[in-house]
């Protein structure tokens, strides 16, 4: 038989064990509560973050015009606007009411959005300049016009350069006020873009058009003609001087007011080192033929 004091000794460890278990269970309950609160706070934060990116006024989106919805879907669609270079030229022209005739060179595909920007301008008249491009099957190499060796003594006959096609229908290009050209960059901007025959051709077309429209009465009288290059690839500085540059915005346009006598001398020169310059090209006394560079 167990004595009372012995029974007390047995109950005491049992009581301690139960208290310990209850305490441990209570601790686990607290952990669960804290974890649930943590999950609720995280969920609430995510909901608030999602609502901050949500359009607060979705009904107004349905009221957008078709053009606005298209522009939201495709940011690459060009926005038509009045060209800045044209505003500069308009400010410099004396006759503020006269129509401005633009000759567009290498802008048939209009990847600069130029045609859209000129629509609705009553004062502007445009004409696309046609010429046989030296691209594709007609492509020429730079070395054909700038060879490493030149026959200066005409041992194998007078040297001649391959022809660079220029516009042939002169009548419609006699009265241009502005020549606008897009210069190709070439396949490699650092090398090929500079030594590119098509780039040379576009520059020559622009220069010849400017001279043709700028000189009247066989060179006795000349009038103002501007030359504009649009896009990221600019003109050849060998043809269009920095002294004649009116305005330049990097990557967009170059506006030139060329001095006609100097530009005329340059278009009379051979297109490359493949042919020596004739005497009249150095003096600039002979104006015709403008487009017979061969």
C-alpha atoms as a PDB file:
ATOM      1  CA  UNK A   1       0.000   0.000   0.000  1.00  0.00           C
ATOM      2  CA  UNK A   2       1.233   3.438  -1.003  1.00  0.00           C
ATOM      3  CA  UNK A   3       1.612   5.994   1.689  1.00  0.00           C
ATOM      4  CA  UNK A   4       0.240   9.550   1.275  1.00  0.00           C
ATOM      5  CA  UNK A   5       3.596  11.201   1.030  1.00  0.00           C
ATOM      6  CA  UNK A   6       4.594   8.703  -1.625  1.00  0.00           C
ATOM      7  CA  UNK A   7       1.399   9.466  -3.615  1.00  0.00           C
ATOM      8  CA  UNK A   8       2.254  13.156  -3.536  1.00  0.00           C
ATOM      9  CA  UNK A   9       5.676  12.454  -4.915  1.00  0.00           C
ATOM     10  CA  UNK A  10       4.138  10.529  -7.848  1.00  0.00           C
ATOM     11  CA  UNK A  11       1.578  13.238  -8.675  1.00  0.00           C
ATOM     12  CA  UNK A  12       4.063  16.082  -8.739  1.00  0.00           C
ATOM     13  CA  UNK A  13       6.017  14.878 -11.816  1.00  0.00           C
ATOM     14  CA  UNK A  14       2.741  14.079 -13.588  1.00  0.00           C
ATOM     15  CA  UNK A  15       1.501  17.604 -13.022  1.00  0.00           C
ATOM     16  CA  UNK A  16       4.732  19.082 -14.281  1.00  0.00           C
ATOM     17  CA  UNK A  17       4.515  16.957 -17.448  1.00  0.00           C
ATOM     18  CA  UNK A  18       0.953  18.122 -18.166  1.00  0.00           C
ATOM     19  CA  UNK A  19       1.878  21.777 -17.647  1.00  0.00           C
ATOM     20  CA  UNK A  20       4.826  21.374 -20.001  1.00  0.00           C
ATOM     21  CA  UNK A  21       2.602  19.835 -22.681  1.00  0.00           C
ATOM     22  CA  UNK A  22      -0.009  22.570 -22.330  1.00  0.00           C
ATOM     23  CA  UNK A  23       2.662  25.240 -22.611  1.00  0.00           C
ATOM     24  CA  UNK A  24       4.096  23.675 -25.748  1.00  0.00           C
ATOM     25  CA  UNK A  25       0.638  23.399 -27.318  1.00  0.00           C
ATOM     26  CA  UNK A  26      -0.080  27.041 -26.504  1.00  0.00           C
ATOM     27  CA  UNK A  27       3.203  28.085 -28.129  1.00  0.00           C
ATOM     28  CA  UNK A  28       2.306  26.215 -31.339  1.00  0.00           C
ATOM     29  CA  UNK A  29      -1.105  27.898 -31.410  1.00  0.00           C
ATOM     30  CA  UNK A  30       0.551  31.300 -31.179  1.00  0.00           C
ATOM     31  CA  UNK A  31       2.883  30.367 -34.034  1.00  0.00           C
ATOM     32  CA  UNK A  32      -0.070  29.454 -36.233  1.00  0.00           C
ATOM     33  CA  UNK A  33      -1.820  32.718 -35.418  1.00  0.00           C
ATOM     34  CA  UNK A  34       1.296  34.749 -36.241  1.00  0.00           C
ATOM     35  CA  UNK A  35       1.735  32.844 -39.507  1.00  0.00           C
ATOM     36  CA  UNK A  36      -1.882  33.473 -40.523  1.00  0.00           C
ATOM     37  CA  UNK A  37      -1.514  37.184 -39.726  1.00  0.00           C
ATOM     38  CA  UNK A  38       1.672  37.277 -41.802  1.00  0.00           C
ATOM     39  CA  UNK A  39      -0.109  35.655 -44.766  1.00  0.00           C
ATOM     40  CA  UNK A  40      -2.983  38.128 -44.472  1.00  0.00           C
ATOM     41  CA  UNK A  41      -0.587  41.092 -44.474  1.00  0.00           C
ATOM     42  CA  UNK A  42       1.303  39.756 -47.510  1.00  0.00           C
ATOM     43  CA  UNK A  43      -1.962  39.124 -49.383  1.00  0.00           C
ATOM     44  CA  UNK A  44      -3.220  42.603 -48.544  1.00  0.00           C
ATOM     45  CA  UNK A  45       0.025  44.152 -49.794  1.00  0.00           C
ATOM     46  CA  UNK A  46      -0.215  42.236 -53.078  1.00  0.00           C
ATOM     47  CA  UNK A  47      -3.827  43.333 -53.566  1.00  0.00           C
ATOM     48  CA  UNK A  48      -2.906  46.991 -52.982  1.00  0.00           C
ATOM     49  CA  UNK A  49       0.035  46.697 -55.416  1.00  0.00           C
ATOM     50  CA  UNK A  50      -2.191  45.126 -58.093  1.00  0.00           C
ATOM     51  CA  UNK A  51      -4.812  47.860 -57.707  1.00  0.00           C
ATOM     52  CA  UNK A  52      -2.151  50.570 -58.066  1.00  0.00           C
ATOM     53  CA  UNK A  53      -1.308  49.294 -61.586  1.00  0.00           C
ATOM     54  CA  UNK A  54      -4.960  48.921 -62.573  1.00  0.00           C
ATOM     55  CA  UNK A  55      -6.511  51.600 -64.773  1.00  0.00           C
ATOM     56  CA  UNK A  56      -8.679  53.647 -62.395  1.00  0.00           C
ATOM     57  CA  UNK A  57     -10.987  54.726 -65.211  1.00  0.00           C
ATOM     58  CA  UNK A  58     -11.550  51.801 -67.586  1.00  0.00           C
ATOM     59  CA  UNK A  59     -14.791  53.257 -68.927  1.00  0.00           C
ATOM     60  CA  UNK A  60     -12.949  56.162 -70.576  1.00  0.00           C
ATOM     61  CA  UNK A  61     -10.825  53.728 -72.605  1.00  0.00           C
ATOM     62  CA  UNK A  62     -13.914  52.746 -74.547  1.00  0.00           C
ATOM     63  CA  UNK A  63     -14.383  56.371 -75.536  1.00  0.00           C
ATOM     64  CA  UNK A  64     -10.974  56.613 -77.215  1.00  0.00           C
ATOM     65  CA  UNK A  65     -10.943  57.201 -80.935  1.00  0.00           C
ATOM     66  CA  UNK A  66      -9.799  54.501 -83.312  1.00  0.00           C
ATOM     67  CA  UNK A  67      -6.526  56.319 -84.022  1.00  0.00           C
ATOM     68  CA  UNK A  68      -5.794  56.649 -80.308  1.00  0.00           C
ATOM     69  CA  UNK A  69      -6.391  52.937 -79.696  1.00  0.00           C
ATOM     70  CA  UNK A  70      -4.109  52.056 -82.610  1.00  0.00           C
ATOM     71  CA  UNK A  71      -1.350  54.324 -81.286  1.00  0.00           C
ATOM     72  CA  UNK A  72      -1.577  52.632 -77.884  1.00  0.00           C
ATOM     73  CA  UNK A  73      -1.149  49.210 -79.487  1.00  0.00           C
ATOM     74  CA  UNK A  74       1.703  50.187 -81.786  1.00  0.00           C
ATOM     75  CA  UNK A  75       4.091  52.890 -80.646  1.00  0.00           C
ATOM     76  CA  UNK A  76       6.083  52.545 -83.898  1.00  0.00           C
ATOM     77  CA  UNK A  77       3.395  54.113 -86.089  1.00  0.00           C
ATOM     78  CA  UNK A  78       4.838  57.509 -87.172  1.00  0.00           C
ATOM     79  CA  UNK A  79       2.866  60.598 -86.226  1.00  0.00           C
ATOM     80  CA  UNK A  80       2.367  62.988 -89.137  1.00  0.00           C
ATOM     81  CA  UNK A  81       3.506  66.497 -88.346  1.00  0.00           C
ATOM     82  CA  UNK A  82       4.613  69.626 -90.136  1.00  0.00           C
ATOM     83  CA  UNK A  83       8.365  69.129 -90.778  1.00  0.00           C
ATOM     84  CA  UNK A  84      10.518  71.422 -88.683  1.00  0.00           C
ATOM     85  CA  UNK A  85      12.972  71.996 -91.555  1.00  0.00           C
ATOM     86  CA  UNK A  86      10.121  73.296 -93.724  1.00  0.00           C
ATOM     87  CA  UNK A  87       9.203  75.858 -91.074  1.00  0.00           C
ATOM     88  CA  UNK A  88      12.810  77.069 -91.090  1.00  0.00           C
ATOM     89  CA  UNK A  89      12.758  77.514 -94.884  1.00  0.00           C
ATOM     90  CA  UNK A  90       9.363  79.246 -94.830  1.00  0.00           C
ATOM     91  CA  UNK A  91      10.714  81.835 -92.411  1.00  0.00           C
ATOM     92  CA  UNK A  92      13.635  82.608 -94.738  1.00  0.00           C
ATOM     93  CA  UNK A  93      11.617  82.974 -97.947  1.00  0.00           C
ATOM     94  CA  UNK A  94      10.789  86.558 -98.878  1.00  0.00           C
ATOM     95  CA  UNK A  95       7.529  85.794-100.626  1.00  0.00           C
ATOM     96  CA  UNK A  96       5.308  84.416 -97.856  1.00  0.00           C
ATOM     97  CA  UNK A  97       2.438  83.547-100.216  1.00  0.00           C
ATOM     98  CA  UNK A  98       4.337  81.819-103.020  1.00  0.00           C
ATOM     99  CA  UNK A  99       3.961  78.061-103.360  1.00  0.00           C
ATOM    100  CA  UNK A 100       6.996  76.022-102.347  1.00  0.00           C
ATOM    101  CA  UNK A 101       7.883  73.272-104.815  1.00  0.00           C
ATOM    102  CA  UNK A 102       9.724  70.301-103.329  1.00  0.00           C
ATOM    103  CA  UNK A 103      11.695  67.723-105.318  1.00  0.00           C
ATOM    104  CA  UNK A 104      11.787  64.404-103.421  1.00  0.00           C
ATOM    105  CA  UNK A 105      14.864  62.230-104.011  1.00  0.00           C
ATOM    106  CA  UNK A 106      14.907  58.594-102.854  1.00  0.00           C
ATOM    107  CA  UNK A 107      11.740  59.118-100.846  1.00  0.00           C
ATOM    108  CA  UNK A 108       9.352  56.907-102.796  1.00  0.00           C
ATOM    109  CA  UNK A 109       8.804  54.519 -99.871  1.00  0.00           C
ATOM    110  CA  UNK A 110       8.586  57.442 -97.450  1.00  0.00           C
ATOM    111  CA  UNK A 111       9.934  55.638 -94.382  1.00  0.00           C
ATOM    112  CA  UNK A 112      10.313  59.042 -92.703  1.00  0.00           C
ATOM    113  CA  UNK A 113       6.556  59.814 -92.874  1.00  0.00           C
ATOM    114  CA  UNK A 114       7.332  62.875 -94.976  1.00  0.00           C
ATOM    115  CA  UNK A 115       4.342  62.612 -97.307  1.00  0.00           C
ATOM    116  CA  UNK A 116       1.928  62.444 -94.386  1.00  0.00           C
ATOM    117  CA  UNK A 117       3.599  65.460 -92.797  1.00  0.00           C
ATOM    118  CA  UNK A 118       3.130  67.510 -95.992  1.00  0.00           C
ATOM    119  CA  UNK A 119      -0.534  66.625 -96.494  1.00  0.00           C
ATOM    120  CA  UNK A 120      -2.941  69.488 -96.108  1.00  0.00           C
ATOM    121  CA  UNK A 121      -0.304  72.180 -96.659  1.00  0.00           C
ATOM    122  CA  UNK A 122      -1.787  74.372 -99.403  1.00  0.00           C
ATOM    123  CA  UNK A 123       1.470  76.181 -99.945  1.00  0.00           C
ATOM    124  CA  UNK A 124       3.480  73.028-100.703  1.00  0.00           C
ATOM    125  CA  UNK A 125       3.747  71.192-104.020  1.00  0.00           C
ATOM    126  CA  UNK A 126       5.777  67.979-104.315  1.00  0.00           C
ATOM    127  CA  UNK A 127       7.270  66.039-107.216  1.00  0.00           C
ATOM    128  CA  UNK A 128       9.071  62.692-106.971  1.00  0.00           C
ATOM    129  CA  UNK A 129      12.390  62.676-108.817  1.00  0.00           C
ATOM    130  CA  UNK A 130      12.857  59.588-110.982  1.00  0.00           C
ATOM    131  CA  UNK A 131      16.252  58.091-111.760  1.00  0.00           C
ATOM    132  CA  UNK A 132      17.773  54.637-112.236  1.00  0.00           C
ATOM    133  CA  UNK A 133      19.173  53.610-108.880  1.00  0.00           C
ATOM    134  CA  UNK A 134      22.540  51.874-108.638  1.00  0.00           C
ATOM    135  CA  UNK A 135      21.191  49.134-106.418  1.00  0.00           C
ATOM    136  CA  UNK A 136      20.484  45.433-106.815  1.00  0.00           C
ATOM    137  CA  UNK A 137      21.567  44.180-110.249  1.00  0.00           C
ATOM    138  CA  UNK A 138      22.719  47.717-111.188  1.00  0.00           C
ATOM    139  CA  UNK A 139      24.988  48.033-108.168  1.00  0.00           C
ATOM    140  CA  UNK A 140      28.487  49.445-108.735  1.00  0.00           C
ATOM    141  CA  UNK A 141      31.614  49.115-106.612  1.00  0.00           C
ATOM    142  CA  UNK A 142      33.429  52.083-105.087  1.00  0.00           C
ATOM    143  CA  UNK A 143      36.744  50.978-106.597  1.00  0.00           C
ATOM    144  CA  UNK A 144      35.310  51.496-110.098  1.00  0.00           C
ATOM    145  CA  UNK A 145      35.183  55.239-109.454  1.00  0.00           C
ATOM    146  CA  UNK A 146      38.150  55.573-107.105  1.00  0.00           C
ATOM    147  CA  UNK A 147      40.805  53.101-108.309  1.00  0.00           C
ATOM    148  CA  UNK A 148      44.168  52.747-106.614  1.00  0.00           C
ATOM    149  CA  UNK A 149      46.031  53.431-109.871  1.00  0.00           C
ATOM    150  CA  UNK A 150      45.254  56.087-112.528  1.00  0.00           C
ATOM    151  CA  UNK A 151      46.528  56.165-116.114  1.00  0.00           C
ATOM    152  CA  UNK A 152      47.536  59.842-116.120  1.00  0.00           C
ATOM    153  CA  UNK A 153      49.464  59.601-119.422  1.00  0.00           C
ATOM    154  CA  UNK A 154      46.568  57.933-121.286  1.00  0.00           C
ATOM    155  CA  UNK A 155      48.722  54.950-122.226  1.00  0.00           C
ATOM    156  CA  UNK A 156      45.588  52.848-122.756  1.00  0.00           C
ATOM    157  CA  UNK A 157      43.402  55.714-123.993  1.00  0.00           C
ATOM    158  CA  UNK A 158      41.542  58.499-122.167  1.00  0.00           C
ATOM    159  CA  UNK A 159      40.289  57.230-118.809  1.00  0.00           C
ATOM    160  CA  UNK A 160      36.538  57.218-118.315  1.00  0.00           C
ATOM    161  CA  UNK A 161      34.347  56.639-115.276  1.00  0.00           C
ATOM    162  CA  UNK A 162      31.342  54.318-115.320  1.00  0.00           C
ATOM    163  CA  UNK A 163      28.129  56.240-115.786  1.00  0.00           C
ATOM    164  CA  UNK A 164      26.101  57.279-112.759  1.00  0.00           C
ATOM    165  CA  UNK A 165      22.459  57.612-113.875  1.00  0.00           C
ATOM    166  CA  UNK A 166      20.853  60.958-113.082  1.00  0.00           C
ATOM    167  CA  UNK A 167      17.399  62.352-113.917  1.00  0.00           C
ATOM    168  CA  UNK A 168      16.760  62.716-117.650  1.00  0.00           C
ATOM    169  CA  UNK A 169      13.426  64.605-117.715  1.00  0.00           C
ATOM    170  CA  UNK A 170      14.723  68.080-116.942  1.00  0.00           C
ATOM    171  CA  UNK A 171      11.631  70.174-117.660  1.00  0.00           C
ATOM    172  CA  UNK A 172       9.715  69.196-114.525  1.00  0.00           C
ATOM    173  CA  UNK A 173      12.707  69.919-112.279  1.00  0.00           C
ATOM    174  CA  UNK A 174      13.559  73.430-113.502  1.00  0.00           C
ATOM    175  CA  UNK A 175      11.712  75.367-110.817  1.00  0.00           C
ATOM    176  CA  UNK A 176      12.316  73.540-107.552  1.00  0.00           C
ATOM    177  CA  UNK A 177      12.539  75.637-104.395  1.00  0.00           C
ATOM    178  CA  UNK A 178      13.706  72.802-102.141  1.00  0.00           C
ATOM    179  CA  UNK A 179      15.423  69.501-102.926  1.00  0.00           C
ATOM    180  CA  UNK A 180      14.685  66.899-100.232  1.00  0.00           C
ATOM    181  CA  UNK A 181      16.770  63.718-100.230  1.00  0.00           C
ATOM    182  CA  UNK A 182      17.118  60.600 -98.112  1.00  0.00           C
ATOM    183  CA  UNK A 183      20.696  59.321 -98.095  1.00  0.00           C
ATOM    184  CA  UNK A 184      21.263  55.562 -97.689  1.00  0.00           C
ATOM    185  CA  UNK A 185      23.510  54.493 -94.847  1.00  0.00           C
ATOM    186  CA  UNK A 186      24.977  51.430 -96.566  1.00  0.00           C
ATOM    187  CA  UNK A 187      25.428  47.966 -95.102  1.00  0.00           C
ATOM    188  CA  UNK A 188      28.130  49.048 -92.657  1.00  0.00           C
ATOM    189  CA  UNK A 189      27.957  52.602 -91.364  1.00  0.00           C
ATOM    190  CA  UNK A 190      31.633  52.910 -90.502  1.00  0.00           C
ATOM    191  CA  UNK A 191      32.958  51.678 -93.825  1.00  0.00           C
ATOM    192  CA  UNK A 192      30.436  50.706 -96.471  1.00  0.00           C
ATOM    193  CA  UNK A 193      28.115  53.597 -95.621  1.00  0.00           C
ATOM    194  CA  UNK A 194      30.825  56.095 -96.550  1.00  0.00           C
ATOM    195  CA  UNK A 195      32.151  54.246 -99.591  1.00  0.00           C
ATOM    196  CA  UNK A 196      28.771  53.502-101.091  1.00  0.00           C
ATOM    197  CA  UNK A 197      28.080  54.336-104.755  1.00  0.00           C
ATOM    198  CA  UNK A 198      24.322  54.670-104.242  1.00  0.00           C
ATOM    199  CA  UNK A 199      24.992  57.225-101.504  1.00  0.00           C
ATOM    200  CA  UNK A 200      27.200  59.116-103.956  1.00  0.00           C
ATOM    201  CA  UNK A 201      24.450  58.917-106.573  1.00  0.00           C
ATOM    202  CA  UNK A 202      21.792  60.394-104.268  1.00  0.00           C
ATOM    203  CA  UNK A 203      24.118  63.281-103.350  1.00  0.00           C
ATOM    204  CA  UNK A 204      24.867  63.959-107.025  1.00  0.00           C
ATOM    205  CA  UNK A 205      21.180  63.914-107.935  1.00  0.00           C
ATOM    206  CA  UNK A 206      20.409  66.424-105.170  1.00  0.00           C
ATOM    207  CA  UNK A 207      23.302  68.691-106.183  1.00  0.00           C
ATOM    208  CA  UNK A 208      22.403  68.628-109.898  1.00  0.00           C
ATOM    209  CA  UNK A 209      18.750  69.385-109.170  1.00  0.00           C
ATOM    210  CA  UNK A 210      19.710  72.341-107.002  1.00  0.00           C
ATOM    211  CA  UNK A 211      22.035  73.742-109.681  1.00  0.00           C
ATOM    212  CA  UNK A 212      19.502  73.145-112.450  1.00  0.00           C
ATOM    213  CA  UNK A 213      16.775  75.002-110.549  1.00  0.00           C
ATOM    214  CA  UNK A 214      19.059  77.677-109.102  1.00  0.00           C
ATOM    215  CA  UNK A 215      20.506  78.951-112.364  1.00  0.00           C
ATOM    216  CA  UNK A 216      18.500  80.671-115.079  1.00  0.00           C
ATOM    217  CA  UNK A 217      19.401  82.121-118.488  1.00  0.00           C
ATOM    218  CA  UNK A 218      22.453  79.880-118.856  1.00  0.00           C
ATOM    219  CA  UNK A 219      23.902  80.927-115.536  1.00  0.00           C
ATOM    220  CA  UNK A 220      23.455  84.688-115.773  1.00  0.00           C
ATOM    221  CA  UNK A 221      20.923  84.865-112.969  1.00  0.00           C
ATOM    222  CA  UNK A 222      20.501  82.520-110.019  1.00  0.00           C
ATOM    223  CA  UNK A 223      17.800  82.153-107.365  1.00  0.00           C
ATOM    224  CA  UNK A 224      17.649  80.596-103.898  1.00  0.00           C
ATOM    225  CA  UNK A 225      17.282  76.819-103.724  1.00  0.00           C
ATOM    226  CA  UNK A 226      17.526  74.890-100.472  1.00  0.00           C
ATOM    227  CA  UNK A 227      18.733  71.309-100.132  1.00  0.00           C
ATOM    228  CA  UNK A 228      17.472  69.192 -97.239  1.00  0.00           C
ATOM    229  CA  UNK A 229      18.705  65.745 -96.180  1.00  0.00           C
ATOM    230  CA  UNK A 230      16.338  63.817 -93.921  1.00  0.00           C
ATOM    231  CA  UNK A 231      17.086  60.793 -91.761  1.00  0.00           C
ATOM    232  CA  UNK A 232      20.055  59.655 -89.711  1.00  0.00           C
ATOM    233  CA  UNK A 233      22.594  59.525 -92.585  1.00  0.00           C
ATOM    234  CA  UNK A 234      23.743  62.904 -93.786  1.00  0.00           C
ATOM    235  CA  UNK A 235      25.205  64.309 -97.009  1.00  0.00           C
ATOM    236  CA  UNK A 236      28.704  64.027 -98.411  1.00  0.00           C
ATOM    237  CA  UNK A 237      30.761  66.932 -97.126  1.00  0.00           C
ATOM    238  CA  UNK A 238      32.825  66.803-100.319  1.00  0.00           C
ATOM    239  CA  UNK A 239      29.755  68.132-102.168  1.00  0.00           C
ATOM    240  CA  UNK A 240      27.817  70.098 -99.552  1.00  0.00           C
ATOM    241  CA  UNK A 241      30.003  72.427 -97.517  1.00  0.00           C
ATOM    242  CA  UNK A 242      29.659  73.120 -93.813  1.00  0.00           C
ATOM    243  CA  UNK A 243      29.710  76.846 -94.659  1.00  0.00           C
ATOM    244  CA  UNK A 244      26.375  76.407 -96.466  1.00  0.00           C
ATOM    245  CA  UNK A 245      24.688  74.588 -93.568  1.00  0.00           C
ATOM    246  CA  UNK A 246      21.700  76.529 -92.211  1.00  0.00           C
ATOM    247  CA  UNK A 247      20.368  74.138 -89.570  1.00  0.00           C
ATOM    248  CA  UNK A 248      21.088  70.616 -88.399  1.00  0.00           C
ATOM    249  CA  UNK A 249      19.212  68.423 -85.947  1.00  0.00           C
ATOM    250  CA  UNK A 250      21.097  65.210 -85.229  1.00  0.00           C
ATOM    251  CA  UNK A 251      19.424  62.127 -86.627  1.00  0.00           C
ATOM    252  CA  UNK A 252      16.614  64.122 -88.271  1.00  0.00           C
ATOM    253  CA  UNK A 253      17.665  66.657 -90.914  1.00  0.00           C
ATOM    254  CA  UNK A 254      20.305  68.889 -92.513  1.00  0.00           C
ATOM    255  CA  UNK A 255      19.223  72.151 -94.187  1.00  0.00           C
ATOM    256  CA  UNK A 256      21.624  73.688 -96.741  1.00  0.00           C
ATOM    257  CA  UNK A 257      21.550  76.965 -98.623  1.00  0.00           C
ATOM    258  CA  UNK A 258      24.299  76.157-101.142  1.00  0.00           C
ATOM    259  CA  UNK A 259      26.353  78.814-102.842  1.00  0.00           C
ATOM    260  CA  UNK A 260      25.428  78.044-106.468  1.00  0.00           C
ATOM    261  CA  UNK A 261      28.670  78.975-108.179  1.00  0.00           C
ATOM    262  CA  UNK A 262      30.694  76.583-106.014  1.00  0.00           C
ATOM    263  CA  UNK A 263      28.100  73.838-106.261  1.00  0.00           C
ATOM    264  CA  UNK A 264      28.009  74.235-110.052  1.00  0.00           C
ATOM    265  CA  UNK A 265      31.759  73.704-110.231  1.00  0.00           C
ATOM    266  CA  UNK A 266      31.448  70.500-108.219  1.00  0.00           C
ATOM    267  CA  UNK A 267      28.753  68.943-110.412  1.00  0.00           C
ATOM    268  CA  UNK A 268      30.914  69.612-113.467  1.00  0.00           C
ATOM    269  CA  UNK A 269      33.809  67.685-111.964  1.00  0.00           C
ATOM    270  CA  UNK A 270      34.264  63.961-112.700  1.00  0.00           C
ATOM    271  CA  UNK A 271      32.519  61.713-110.228  1.00  0.00           C
ATOM    272  CA  UNK A 272      35.777  60.132-109.034  1.00  0.00           C
ATOM    273  CA  UNK A 273      39.506  59.774-109.491  1.00  0.00           C
ATOM    274  CA  UNK A 274      38.857  57.417-112.413  1.00  0.00           C
ATOM    275  CA  UNK A 275      38.847  60.476-114.702  1.00  0.00           C
ATOM    276  CA  UNK A 276      40.854  63.709-114.690  1.00  0.00           C
ATOM    277  CA  UNK A 277      38.953  66.981-114.419  1.00  0.00           C
ATOM    278  CA  UNK A 278      38.508  69.002-117.642  1.00  0.00           C
ATOM    279  CA  UNK A 279      39.582  72.603-117.731  1.00  0.00           C
ATOM    280  CA  UNK A 280      36.068  74.068-117.832  1.00  0.00           C
ATOM    281  CA  UNK A 281      35.112  72.284-114.601  1.00  0.00           C
ATOM    282  CA  UNK A 282      37.844  74.137-112.734  1.00  0.00           C
ATOM    283  CA  UNK A 283      36.769  77.569-113.990  1.00  0.00           C
ATOM    284  CA  UNK A 284      33.024  76.887-113.879  1.00  0.00           C
ATOM    285  CA  UNK A 285      32.423  78.802-117.113  1.00  0.00           C
ATOM    286  CA  UNK A 286      30.415  76.077-118.838  1.00  0.00           C
ATOM    287  CA  UNK A 287      27.097  75.062-117.332  1.00  0.00           C
ATOM    288  CA  UNK A 288      25.756  72.473-119.774  1.00  0.00           C
ATOM    289  CA  UNK A 289      25.303  69.561-119.625  1.00  0.00           C
ATOM    290  CA  UNK A 290      24.244  69.295-115.986  1.00  0.00           C
ATOM    291  CA  UNK A 291      23.222  65.665-116.120  1.00  0.00           C
ATOM    292  CA  UNK A 292      25.841  64.353-118.520  1.00  0.00           C
ATOM    293  CA  UNK A 293      28.321  63.139-115.938  1.00  0.00           C
ATOM    294  CA  UNK A 294      30.030  60.100-117.408  1.00  0.00           C
END
